[in-house]
Amino acid sequence: MSTSPSKELDAFDNPRPERDYEIRFDCPEFTCLCPKTGQPDFATLRIRYVPDRRCVELKSLKLYLWSFRDEGHFHEAVTNRILDDLVALTAPRFMEVEGDFYVRGGIRTVVTARHGTPPG
């Protein structure tokens, strides 16, 4: 059982694929590095999605998010990459990833990337 950072995401079969329902994850300890300064950037990631056939497995998500901590990424790029990787894994009906980055230089950045049509 791995406890090291990993880019390997895992999924499992949706137990109720006939029903639209929403899953939300709050990930308040996300970190990556600023590609310009090498300084750490901290964020809360909020992931919400309506699954189709597959759901995101949580331990793999934790290790996947952990894998970014020593990598340089712009806020916009890392938020969109996480969305792309999760969409490729699960092919959801809808998914949204929000990167709420802590204040740096007096500026707070919130990046929201979406796939599909929001429910409702």
C-alpha atoms as a PDB file:
ATOM      1  CA  MET A   1       0.000   0.000   0.000  1.00  0.00           C
ATOM      2  CA  SER A   2       1.626   3.245  -1.175  1.00  0.00           C
ATOM      3  CA  THR A   3       2.093   6.252   1.081  1.00  0.00           C
ATOM      4  CA  SER A   4       4.253   8.201  -1.356  1.00  0.00           C
ATOM      5  CA  PRO A   5       3.172  10.909  -3.784  1.00  0.00           C
ATOM      6  CA  SER A   6       1.893   9.424  -7.040  1.00  0.00           C
ATOM      7  CA  LYS A   7       0.401  10.554 -10.347  1.00  0.00           C
ATOM      8  CA  GLU A   8      -1.591   7.283 -10.440  1.00  0.00           C
ATOM      9  CA  LEU A   9      -5.285   8.008 -10.009  1.00  0.00           C
ATOM     10  CA  ASP A  10      -7.742   5.197  -9.370  1.00  0.00           C
ATOM     11  CA  ALA A  11     -11.498   4.892  -9.736  1.00  0.00           C
ATOM     12  CA  PHE A  12     -14.240   2.447  -8.822  1.00  0.00           C
ATOM     13  CA  ASP A  13     -17.604   1.607 -10.357  1.00  0.00           C
ATOM     14  CA  ASN A  14     -20.386   4.032  -9.500  1.00  0.00           C
ATOM     15  CA  PRO A  15     -22.823   2.137  -7.254  1.00  0.00           C
ATOM     16  CA  ARG A  16     -25.804   4.148  -8.656  1.00  0.00           C
ATOM     17  CA  PRO A  17     -25.008   5.097 -12.278  1.00  0.00           C
ATOM     18  CA  GLU A  18     -28.702   5.508 -13.123  1.00  0.00           C
ATOM     19  CA  ARG A  19     -29.016   8.440 -10.683  1.00  0.00           C
ATOM     20  CA  ASP A  20     -27.638  11.969 -10.901  1.00  0.00           C
ATOM     21  CA  TYR A  21     -25.984  12.851  -7.602  1.00  0.00           C
ATOM     22  CA  GLU A  22     -23.135  15.150  -6.659  1.00  0.00           C
ATOM     23  CA  ILE A  23     -19.869  14.291  -4.922  1.00  0.00           C
ATOM     24  CA  ARG A  24     -17.745  17.032  -3.325  1.00  0.00           C
ATOM     25  CA  PHE A  25     -14.199  16.994  -2.025  1.00  0.00           C
ATOM     26  CA  ASP A  26     -12.547  19.798  -0.050  1.00  0.00           C
ATOM     27  CA  CYS A  27      -8.762  19.530  -0.082  1.00  0.00           C
ATOM     28  CA  PRO A  28      -7.425  22.308   2.202  1.00  0.00           C
ATOM     29  CA  GLU A  29      -3.754  21.283   2.165  1.00  0.00           C
ATOM     30  CA  PHE A  30      -2.830  21.523  -1.529  1.00  0.00           C
ATOM     31  CA  THR A  31       0.643  22.871  -2.263  1.00  0.00           C
ATOM     32  CA  CYS A  32       2.775  23.405  -5.336  1.00  0.00           C
ATOM     33  CA  LEU A  33       5.652  25.739  -6.128  1.00  0.00           C
ATOM     34  CA  CYS A  34       5.569  29.069  -7.916  1.00  0.00           C
ATOM     35  CA  PRO A  35       7.391  28.466 -11.221  1.00  0.00           C
ATOM     36  CA  LYS A  36       8.882  31.990 -11.121  1.00  0.00           C
ATOM     37  CA  THR A  37      10.167  32.171  -7.533  1.00  0.00           C
ATOM     38  CA  GLY A  38      10.244  28.561  -6.323  1.00  0.00           C
ATOM     39  CA  GLN A  39       8.265  29.650  -3.265  1.00  0.00           C
ATOM     40  CA  PRO A  40       5.430  27.407  -2.056  1.00  0.00           C
ATOM     41  CA  ASP A  41       1.858  28.204  -3.057  1.00  0.00           C
ATOM     42  CA  PHE A  42      -0.897  26.955  -0.759  1.00  0.00           C
ATOM     43  CA  ALA A  43      -4.507  26.398  -1.771  1.00  0.00           C
ATOM     44  CA  THR A  44      -7.774  24.796  -0.911  1.00  0.00           C
ATOM     45  CA  LEU A  45      -8.966  22.696  -3.825  1.00  0.00           C
ATOM     46  CA  ARG A  46     -12.686  22.103  -4.134  1.00  0.00           C
ATOM     47  CA  ILE A  47     -13.746  19.335  -6.473  1.00  0.00           C
ATOM     48  CA  ARG A  48     -17.354  18.604  -7.255  1.00  0.00           C
ATOM     49  CA  TYR A  49     -18.765  16.279  -9.830  1.00  0.00           C
ATOM     50  CA  VAL A  50     -21.719  14.230 -11.021  1.00  0.00           C
ATOM     51  CA  PRO A  51     -20.339  10.778 -11.788  1.00  0.00           C
ATOM     52  CA  ASP A  52     -21.355   8.631 -14.717  1.00  0.00           C
ATOM     53  CA  ARG A  53     -19.906   5.100 -14.612  1.00  0.00           C
ATOM     54  CA  ARG A  54     -16.851   5.716 -12.395  1.00  0.00           C
ATOM     55  CA  CYS A  55     -16.037   7.539  -9.138  1.00  0.00           C
ATOM     56  CA  VAL A  56     -12.694   8.877  -7.868  1.00  0.00           C
ATOM     57  CA  GLU A  57     -11.005   6.737  -5.224  1.00  0.00           C
ATOM     58  CA  LEU A  58      -9.973   8.994  -2.322  1.00  0.00           C
ATOM     59  CA  LYS A  59      -6.584   7.596  -1.308  1.00  0.00           C
ATOM     60  CA  SER A  60      -5.315   7.826  -4.884  1.00  0.00           C
ATOM     61  CA  LEU A  61      -6.649  11.396  -5.055  1.00  0.00           C
ATOM     62  CA  LYS A  62      -4.756  12.304  -1.876  1.00  0.00           C
ATOM     63  CA  LEU A  63      -1.481  10.847  -3.200  1.00  0.00           C
ATOM     64  CA  TYR A  64      -2.060  12.481  -6.607  1.00  0.00           C
ATOM     65  CA  LEU A  65      -2.588  15.932  -5.079  1.00  0.00           C
ATOM     66  CA  TRP A  66       0.427  15.390  -2.833  1.00  0.00           C
ATOM     67  CA  SER A  67       2.565  14.776  -5.960  1.00  0.00           C
ATOM     68  CA  PHE A  68       2.346  18.460  -6.938  1.00  0.00           C
ATOM     69  CA  ARG A  69       4.029  19.805  -3.799  1.00  0.00           C
ATOM     70  CA  ASP A  70       7.559  19.888  -5.250  1.00  0.00           C
ATOM     71  CA  GLU A  71       6.568  20.904  -8.778  1.00  0.00           C
ATOM     72  CA  GLY A  72       6.350  24.405 -10.253  1.00  0.00           C
ATOM     73  CA  HIS A  73       2.915  25.279 -11.661  1.00  0.00           C
ATOM     74  CA  PHE A  74       0.983  28.438 -12.368  1.00  0.00           C
ATOM     75  CA  HIS A  75      -2.384  28.451 -10.578  1.00  0.00           C
ATOM     76  CA  GLU A  76      -4.312  28.389 -13.838  1.00  0.00           C
ATOM     77  CA  ALA A  77      -2.298  25.501 -15.265  1.00  0.00           C
ATOM     78  CA  VAL A  78      -2.421  23.241 -12.222  1.00  0.00           C
ATOM     79  CA  THR A  79      -6.175  23.721 -11.709  1.00  0.00           C
ATOM     80  CA  ASN A  80      -6.882  22.838 -15.344  1.00  0.00           C
ATOM     81  CA  ARG A  81      -4.473  19.877 -15.279  1.00  0.00           C
ATOM     82  CA  ILE A  82      -6.202  18.394 -12.242  1.00  0.00           C
ATOM     83  CA  LEU A  83      -9.575  18.774 -13.980  1.00  0.00           C
ATOM     84  CA  ASP A  84      -8.229  17.171 -17.183  1.00  0.00           C
ATOM     85  CA  ASP A  85      -6.735  14.211 -15.306  1.00  0.00           C
ATOM     86  CA  LEU A  86      -9.911  13.582 -13.280  1.00  0.00           C
ATOM     87  CA  VAL A  87     -12.128  13.863 -16.366  1.00  0.00           C
ATOM     88  CA  ALA A  88      -9.879  11.414 -18.241  1.00  0.00           C
ATOM     89  CA  LEU A  89     -10.165   8.980 -15.314  1.00  0.00           C
ATOM     90  CA  THR A  90     -13.920   9.136 -14.688  1.00  0.00           C
ATOM     91  CA  ALA A  91     -15.676  10.684 -17.740  1.00  0.00           C
ATOM     92  CA  PRO A  92     -18.170  12.435 -15.422  1.00  0.00           C
ATOM     93  CA  ARG A  93     -21.454  14.026 -16.455  1.00  0.00           C
ATOM     94  CA  PHE A  94     -20.157  17.238 -14.869  1.00  0.00           C
ATOM     95  CA  MET A  95     -17.029  18.226 -12.966  1.00  0.00           C
ATOM     96  CA  GLU A  96     -15.676  21.443 -11.472  1.00  0.00           C
ATOM     97  CA  VAL A  97     -12.282  22.037  -9.880  1.00  0.00           C
ATOM     98  CA  GLU A  98     -11.724  25.252  -7.954  1.00  0.00           C
ATOM     99  CA  GLY A  99      -8.245  26.264  -6.828  1.00  0.00           C
ATOM    100  CA  ASP A 100      -8.545  28.845  -4.044  1.00  0.00           C
ATOM    101  CA  PHE A 101      -4.950  29.995  -3.596  1.00  0.00           C
ATOM    102  CA  TYR A 102      -3.873  31.845  -0.470  1.00  0.00           C
ATOM    103  CA  VAL A 103      -2.880  35.487  -0.598  1.00  0.00           C
ATOM    104  CA  ARG A 104       0.502  36.150  -2.139  1.00  0.00           C
ATOM    105  CA  GLY A 105       1.821  39.665  -2.698  1.00  0.00           C
ATOM    106  CA  GLY A 106      -1.533  41.013  -1.531  1.00  0.00           C
ATOM    107  CA  ILE A 107      -3.504  39.061  -4.167  1.00  0.00           C
ATOM    108  CA  ARG A 108      -5.732  36.042  -3.611  1.00  0.00           C
ATOM    109  CA  THR A 109      -6.325  33.938  -6.729  1.00  0.00           C
ATOM    110  CA  VAL A 110      -9.323  31.685  -7.350  1.00  0.00           C
ATOM    111  CA  VAL A 111      -9.311  29.583 -10.527  1.00  0.00           C
ATOM    112  CA  THR A 112     -12.401  27.567 -11.515  1.00  0.00           C
ATOM    113  CA  ALA A 113     -12.307  25.049 -14.370  1.00  0.00           C
ATOM    114  CA  ARG A 114     -15.380  23.103 -15.536  1.00  0.00           C
ATOM    115  CA  HIS A 115     -16.263  20.129 -17.699  1.00  0.00           C
ATOM    116  CA  GLY A 116     -19.828  19.547 -18.892  1.00  0.00           C
ATOM    117  CA  THR A 117     -23.051  21.284 -17.872  1.00  0.00           C
ATOM    118  CA  PRO A 118     -23.625  22.030 -14.171  1.00  0.00           C
ATOM    119  CA  PRO A 119     -26.527  20.146 -12.571  1.00  0.00           C
ATOM    120  CA  GLY A 120     -29.781  21.884 -11.911  1.00  0.00           C
END
